[in-house]
Amino acid sequence: MSEPLENVTVTRNDEAGRYEIHVGDVLAGFTVFEPDGAGRLVFPHTSIDNAFAGHGLGSVLVAAALTDVAARGETIVPLCPFVVKHLRSHEVPGLTVEWPEPRATEGFAE
């Protein structure tokens, strides 16, 4: 992993439906959230620009996003593998997580 980057900020962009991570003025990545019919936030995808890979920005982004969601009292449904991995290895105080139902075909031989 490379040296940590300076001047990193994470902001919620409700218009775009995502949390964004910036390095200085440059958008380095984002994690998407989509409100569902039950008022939960579904997190389907996280992306970090290849130019910023290896600096731990994905972890910084997801940690900040989930901390903000918890502070707002919102519930998430994690679909993004990166968000799922983060949740399995880090506690986010106050965060309500509703895990998605396993797909009906999982566990069955094709």
N, C-alpha and C. Protein backbone atom coordinates (compact mmCIF):
# COMPACT_ATOMS: atom_id res chain seq x y z
N MET A 1 0.86 -1.18 0.00
CA MET A 1 0.00 0.00 0.00
C MET A 1 0.89 1.23 0.00
N SER A 2 0.52 2.24 -0.74
CA SER A 2 1.27 3.48 -0.84
C SER A 2 1.04 4.36 0.38
N GLU A 3 1.78 5.46 0.40
CA GLU A 3 1.61 6.46 1.47
C GLU A 3 0.18 6.99 1.46
N PRO A 4 -0.34 7.31 2.64
CA PRO A 4 -1.68 7.93 2.69
C PRO A 4 -1.68 9.27 1.96
N LEU A 5 -2.77 9.56 1.32
CA LEU A 5 -2.90 10.82 0.61
C LEU A 5 -3.36 11.91 1.56
N GLU A 6 -2.99 13.14 1.26
CA GLU A 6 -3.41 14.27 2.08
C GLU A 6 -4.63 14.95 1.46
N ASN A 7 -5.32 15.75 2.29
CA ASN A 7 -6.46 16.55 1.84
C ASN A 7 -7.57 15.67 1.26
N VAL A 8 -7.90 14.58 1.98
CA VAL A 8 -8.95 13.66 1.57
C VAL A 8 -10.24 14.03 2.29
N THR A 9 -11.33 14.16 1.53
CA THR A 9 -12.63 14.47 2.12
C THR A 9 -13.69 13.52 1.56
N VAL A 10 -14.68 13.22 2.39
CA VAL A 10 -15.81 12.40 1.97
C VAL A 10 -17.07 13.23 2.17
N THR A 11 -17.89 13.31 1.14
CA THR A 11 -19.13 14.07 1.21
C THR A 11 -20.29 13.25 0.65
N ARG A 12 -21.49 13.55 1.14
CA ARG A 12 -22.69 12.90 0.63
C ARG A 12 -23.28 13.79 -0.47
N ASN A 13 -23.52 13.20 -1.63
CA ASN A 13 -24.11 13.90 -2.76
C ASN A 13 -25.47 13.27 -3.01
N ASP A 14 -26.51 13.85 -2.39
CA ASP A 14 -27.85 13.28 -2.52
C ASP A 14 -28.37 13.34 -3.95
N GLU A 15 -28.02 14.39 -4.68
CA GLU A 15 -28.47 14.50 -6.08
C GLU A 15 -27.97 13.34 -6.92
N ALA A 16 -26.72 12.96 -6.72
CA ALA A 16 -26.13 11.85 -7.49
C ALA A 16 -26.39 10.49 -6.84
N GLY A 17 -26.90 10.49 -5.59
CA GLY A 17 -27.15 9.24 -4.89
C GLY A 17 -25.88 8.49 -4.55
N ARG A 18 -24.92 9.24 -4.00
CA ARG A 18 -23.66 8.59 -3.65
C ARG A 18 -22.86 9.41 -2.65
N TYR A 19 -21.95 8.71 -1.98
CA TYR A 19 -20.93 9.36 -1.17
C TYR A 19 -19.70 9.44 -2.05
N GLU A 20 -19.03 10.58 -2.03
CA GLU A 20 -17.88 10.80 -2.88
C GLU A 20 -16.64 11.05 -2.03
N ILE A 21 -15.51 10.54 -2.51
CA ILE A 21 -14.24 10.82 -1.86
C ILE A 21 -13.40 11.64 -2.83
N HIS A 22 -12.89 12.76 -2.30
CA HIS A 22 -12.06 13.67 -3.09
C HIS A 22 -10.66 13.72 -2.49
N VAL A 23 -9.69 13.82 -3.35
CA VAL A 23 -8.32 14.11 -2.96
C VAL A 23 -8.05 15.50 -3.51
N GLY A 24 -8.00 16.46 -2.60
CA GLY A 24 -7.97 17.85 -3.05
C GLY A 24 -9.29 18.14 -3.75
N ASP A 25 -9.22 18.63 -4.98
CA ASP A 25 -10.42 18.93 -5.76
C ASP A 25 -10.80 17.81 -6.72
N VAL A 26 -10.07 16.70 -6.68
CA VAL A 26 -10.27 15.63 -7.66
C VAL A 26 -11.15 14.52 -7.07
N LEU A 27 -12.20 14.15 -7.81
CA LEU A 27 -13.05 13.03 -7.41
C LEU A 27 -12.25 11.75 -7.59
N ALA A 28 -12.00 11.05 -6.48
CA ALA A 28 -11.19 9.84 -6.52
C ALA A 28 -12.04 8.57 -6.50
N GLY A 29 -13.30 8.68 -6.11
CA GLY A 29 -14.16 7.51 -6.07
C GLY A 29 -15.50 7.82 -5.43
N PHE A 30 -16.34 6.78 -5.38
CA PHE A 30 -17.69 6.96 -4.81
C PHE A 30 -18.27 5.62 -4.43
N THR A 31 -19.26 5.65 -3.54
CA THR A 31 -20.08 4.49 -3.24
C THR A 31 -21.53 4.92 -3.43
N VAL A 32 -22.24 4.17 -4.23
CA VAL A 32 -23.61 4.51 -4.64
C VAL A 32 -24.60 4.03 -3.58
N PHE A 33 -25.65 4.83 -3.36
CA PHE A 33 -26.77 4.38 -2.52
C PHE A 33 -28.06 4.70 -3.25
N GLU A 34 -29.01 3.76 -3.15
CA GLU A 34 -30.31 3.91 -3.82
C GLU A 34 -31.41 3.67 -2.79
N PRO A 35 -32.24 4.68 -2.51
CA PRO A 35 -33.35 4.45 -1.59
C PRO A 35 -34.31 3.41 -2.18
N ASP A 36 -34.79 2.49 -1.34
CA ASP A 36 -35.75 1.51 -1.82
C ASP A 36 -37.15 1.87 -1.31
N GLY A 37 -38.12 1.07 -1.65
CA GLY A 37 -39.51 1.34 -1.29
C GLY A 37 -39.77 1.30 0.20
N ALA A 38 -38.86 0.71 0.98
CA ALA A 38 -39.03 0.61 2.43
C ALA A 38 -38.28 1.71 3.17
N GLY A 39 -37.71 2.67 2.42
CA GLY A 39 -37.00 3.78 3.05
C GLY A 39 -35.57 3.45 3.45
N ARG A 40 -35.07 2.30 3.01
CA ARG A 40 -33.69 1.92 3.31
C ARG A 40 -32.77 2.40 2.18
N LEU A 41 -31.49 2.44 2.46
CA LEU A 41 -30.50 2.79 1.44
C LEU A 41 -29.79 1.51 1.01
N VAL A 42 -29.96 1.16 -0.25
CA VAL A 42 -29.30 0.00 -0.82
C VAL A 42 -27.95 0.47 -1.38
N PHE A 43 -26.88 -0.19 -0.97
CA PHE A 43 -25.53 0.14 -1.44
C PHE A 43 -25.09 -0.94 -2.44
N PRO A 44 -25.24 -0.67 -3.77
CA PRO A 44 -24.93 -1.69 -4.77
C PRO A 44 -23.50 -1.67 -5.31
N HIS A 45 -22.79 -0.54 -5.19
CA HIS A 45 -21.51 -0.44 -5.91
C HIS A 45 -20.60 0.61 -5.29
N THR A 46 -19.31 0.29 -5.24
CA THR A 46 -18.27 1.24 -4.82
C THR A 46 -17.18 1.22 -5.88
N SER A 47 -16.64 2.40 -6.18
CA SER A 47 -15.61 2.50 -7.21
C SER A 47 -14.55 3.52 -6.79
N ILE A 48 -13.28 3.14 -6.95
CA ILE A 48 -12.16 4.05 -6.75
C ILE A 48 -11.40 4.14 -8.06
N ASP A 49 -11.12 5.36 -8.49
CA ASP A 49 -10.38 5.59 -9.73
C ASP A 49 -9.03 4.88 -9.66
N ASN A 50 -8.64 4.20 -10.73
CA ASN A 50 -7.37 3.47 -10.75
C ASN A 50 -6.18 4.35 -10.40
N ALA A 51 -6.26 5.64 -10.71
CA ALA A 51 -5.15 6.56 -10.39
C ALA A 51 -4.93 6.68 -8.88
N PHE A 52 -5.93 6.30 -8.09
CA PHE A 52 -5.85 6.42 -6.63
C PHE A 52 -5.83 5.06 -5.93
N ALA A 53 -5.69 3.99 -6.70
CA ALA A 53 -5.69 2.64 -6.13
C ALA A 53 -4.48 2.46 -5.20
N GLY A 54 -4.67 1.64 -4.18
CA GLY A 54 -3.58 1.29 -3.29
C GLY A 54 -3.32 2.25 -2.15
N HIS A 55 -4.20 3.22 -1.98
CA HIS A 55 -4.03 4.20 -0.91
C HIS A 55 -5.05 4.01 0.22
N GLY A 56 -5.88 2.98 0.14
CA GLY A 56 -6.87 2.72 1.18
C GLY A 56 -8.08 3.63 1.11
N LEU A 57 -8.28 4.29 -0.04
CA LEU A 57 -9.40 5.23 -0.13
C LEU A 57 -10.76 4.53 -0.08
N GLY A 58 -10.85 3.31 -0.58
CA GLY A 58 -12.12 2.58 -0.52
C GLY A 58 -12.56 2.38 0.92
N SER A 59 -11.61 2.00 1.76
CA SER A 59 -11.93 1.80 3.18
C SER A 59 -12.31 3.11 3.86
N VAL A 60 -11.58 4.17 3.55
CA VAL A 60 -11.89 5.49 4.13
C VAL A 60 -13.29 5.93 3.69
N LEU A 61 -13.59 5.75 2.42
CA LEU A 61 -14.88 6.15 1.86
C LEU A 61 -16.03 5.39 2.51
N VAL A 62 -15.94 4.08 2.52
CA VAL A 62 -17.04 3.26 3.05
C VAL A 62 -17.21 3.49 4.55
N ALA A 63 -16.11 3.60 5.29
CA ALA A 63 -16.21 3.86 6.73
C ALA A 63 -16.92 5.19 7.00
N ALA A 64 -16.54 6.23 6.27
CA ALA A 64 -17.17 7.54 6.46
C ALA A 64 -18.64 7.52 6.05
N ALA A 65 -18.94 6.86 4.94
CA ALA A 65 -20.32 6.79 4.47
C ALA A 65 -21.21 6.08 5.48
N LEU A 66 -20.75 4.93 5.98
CA LEU A 66 -21.57 4.17 6.91
C LEU A 66 -21.70 4.87 8.26
N THR A 67 -20.67 5.58 8.68
CA THR A 67 -20.76 6.36 9.91
C THR A 67 -21.79 7.48 9.75
N ASP A 68 -21.81 8.12 8.59
CA ASP A 68 -22.78 9.18 8.34
C ASP A 68 -24.20 8.62 8.29
N VAL A 69 -24.38 7.49 7.62
CA VAL A 69 -25.70 6.86 7.55
C VAL A 69 -26.19 6.53 8.96
N ALA A 70 -25.30 6.00 9.80
CA ALA A 70 -25.68 5.67 11.18
C ALA A 70 -26.10 6.93 11.94
N ALA A 71 -25.35 8.01 11.77
CA ALA A 71 -25.66 9.27 12.45
C ALA A 71 -27.01 9.83 12.02
N ARG A 72 -27.40 9.55 10.79
CA ARG A 72 -28.69 10.02 10.26
C ARG A 72 -29.84 9.10 10.66
N GLY A 73 -29.53 7.95 11.26
CA GLY A 73 -30.57 7.01 11.67
C GLY A 73 -31.16 6.22 10.51
N GLU A 74 -30.42 6.13 9.42
CA GLU A 74 -30.92 5.41 8.24
C GLU A 74 -30.49 3.94 8.30
N THR A 75 -31.18 3.12 7.56
CA THR A 75 -30.91 1.69 7.48
C THR A 75 -30.31 1.38 6.12
N ILE A 76 -29.31 0.47 6.10
CA ILE A 76 -28.73 0.11 4.81
C ILE A 76 -29.00 -1.36 4.49
N VAL A 77 -28.94 -1.62 3.17
CA VAL A 77 -28.95 -2.98 2.64
C VAL A 77 -27.67 -3.10 1.82
N PRO A 78 -26.68 -3.84 2.31
CA PRO A 78 -25.42 -3.94 1.60
C PRO A 78 -25.45 -4.99 0.49
N LEU A 79 -25.27 -4.55 -0.75
CA LEU A 79 -25.14 -5.46 -1.89
C LEU A 79 -23.72 -5.42 -2.45
N CYS A 80 -23.07 -4.28 -2.33
CA CYS A 80 -21.71 -4.11 -2.83
C CYS A 80 -20.76 -5.02 -2.05
N PRO A 81 -19.98 -5.85 -2.74
CA PRO A 81 -19.05 -6.75 -2.03
C PRO A 81 -18.06 -6.00 -1.13
N PHE A 82 -17.64 -4.81 -1.52
CA PHE A 82 -16.70 -4.05 -0.69
C PHE A 82 -17.37 -3.59 0.60
N VAL A 83 -18.61 -3.14 0.51
CA VAL A 83 -19.35 -2.71 1.70
C VAL A 83 -19.60 -3.92 2.61
N VAL A 84 -19.97 -5.05 2.02
CA VAL A 84 -20.20 -6.27 2.81
C VAL A 84 -18.92 -6.66 3.55
N LYS A 85 -17.79 -6.65 2.85
CA LYS A 85 -16.51 -7.02 3.46
C LYS A 85 -16.18 -6.07 4.62
N HIS A 86 -16.42 -4.78 4.42
CA HIS A 86 -16.16 -3.80 5.48
C HIS A 86 -17.02 -4.10 6.71
N LEU A 87 -18.30 -4.35 6.48
CA LEU A 87 -19.21 -4.61 7.59
C LEU A 87 -18.86 -5.88 8.35
N ARG A 88 -18.32 -6.86 7.67
CA ARG A 88 -17.97 -8.13 8.33
C ARG A 88 -16.71 -7.99 9.19
N SER A 89 -15.92 -6.95 8.95
CA SER A 89 -14.67 -6.81 9.71
C SER A 89 -14.60 -5.53 10.56
N HIS A 90 -15.62 -4.67 10.49
CA HIS A 90 -15.62 -3.43 11.26
C HIS A 90 -17.01 -3.19 11.85
N GLU A 91 -17.03 -2.78 13.09
CA GLU A 91 -18.30 -2.39 13.70
C GLU A 91 -18.55 -0.93 13.41
N VAL A 92 -19.79 -0.61 13.06
CA VAL A 92 -20.20 0.78 12.84
C VAL A 92 -21.26 1.08 13.89
N PRO A 93 -20.88 1.76 14.98
CA PRO A 93 -21.83 2.02 16.06
C PRO A 93 -23.10 2.72 15.57
N GLY A 94 -24.24 2.17 15.96
CA GLY A 94 -25.52 2.78 15.65
C GLY A 94 -26.06 2.47 14.27
N LEU A 95 -25.31 1.73 13.45
CA LEU A 95 -25.77 1.44 12.09
C LEU A 95 -26.74 0.27 12.09
N THR A 96 -27.88 0.46 11.43
CA THR A 96 -28.85 -0.61 11.25
C THR A 96 -28.64 -1.21 9.86
N VAL A 97 -28.35 -2.52 9.85
CA VAL A 97 -28.09 -3.23 8.60
C VAL A 97 -29.16 -4.28 8.40
N GLU A 98 -29.78 -4.28 7.24
CA GLU A 98 -30.71 -5.35 6.86
C GLU A 98 -30.04 -6.10 5.73
N TRP A 99 -29.56 -7.30 6.05
CA TRP A 99 -28.85 -8.10 5.07
C TRP A 99 -29.84 -8.60 4.02
N PRO A 100 -29.43 -8.60 2.76
CA PRO A 100 -30.34 -9.08 1.70
C PRO A 100 -30.60 -10.57 1.84
N GLU A 101 -31.75 -10.97 1.36
CA GLU A 101 -32.09 -12.39 1.36
C GLU A 101 -31.19 -13.09 0.36
N PRO A 102 -30.72 -14.29 0.71
CA PRO A 102 -29.94 -15.04 -0.28
C PRO A 102 -30.80 -15.34 -1.50
N ARG A 103 -30.16 -15.37 -2.64
CA ARG A 103 -30.91 -15.68 -3.87
C ARG A 103 -31.44 -17.11 -3.77
N ALA A 104 -32.60 -17.32 -4.32
CA ALA A 104 -33.25 -18.64 -4.24
C ALA A 104 -32.39 -19.74 -4.85
N THR A 105 -31.53 -19.40 -5.82
CA THR A 105 -30.75 -20.43 -6.50
C THR A 105 -29.43 -20.70 -5.81
N GLU A 106 -29.03 -19.90 -4.83
CA GLU A 106 -27.76 -20.13 -4.16
C GLU A 106 -27.80 -21.45 -3.40
N GLY A 107 -26.74 -22.21 -3.52
CA GLY A 107 -26.66 -23.47 -2.82
C GLY A 107 -27.20 -24.65 -3.60
N PHE A 108 -27.74 -24.40 -4.79
CA PHE A 108 -28.27 -25.48 -5.62
C PHE A 108 -27.32 -25.74 -6.77
N ALA A 109 -27.15 -26.99 -7.11
CA ALA A 109 -26.32 -27.34 -8.26
C ALA A 109 -27.05 -26.96 -9.53
N GLU A 110 -26.30 -26.53 -10.50
CA GLU A 110 -26.88 -26.15 -11.80
C GLU A 110 -27.25 -27.40 -12.57
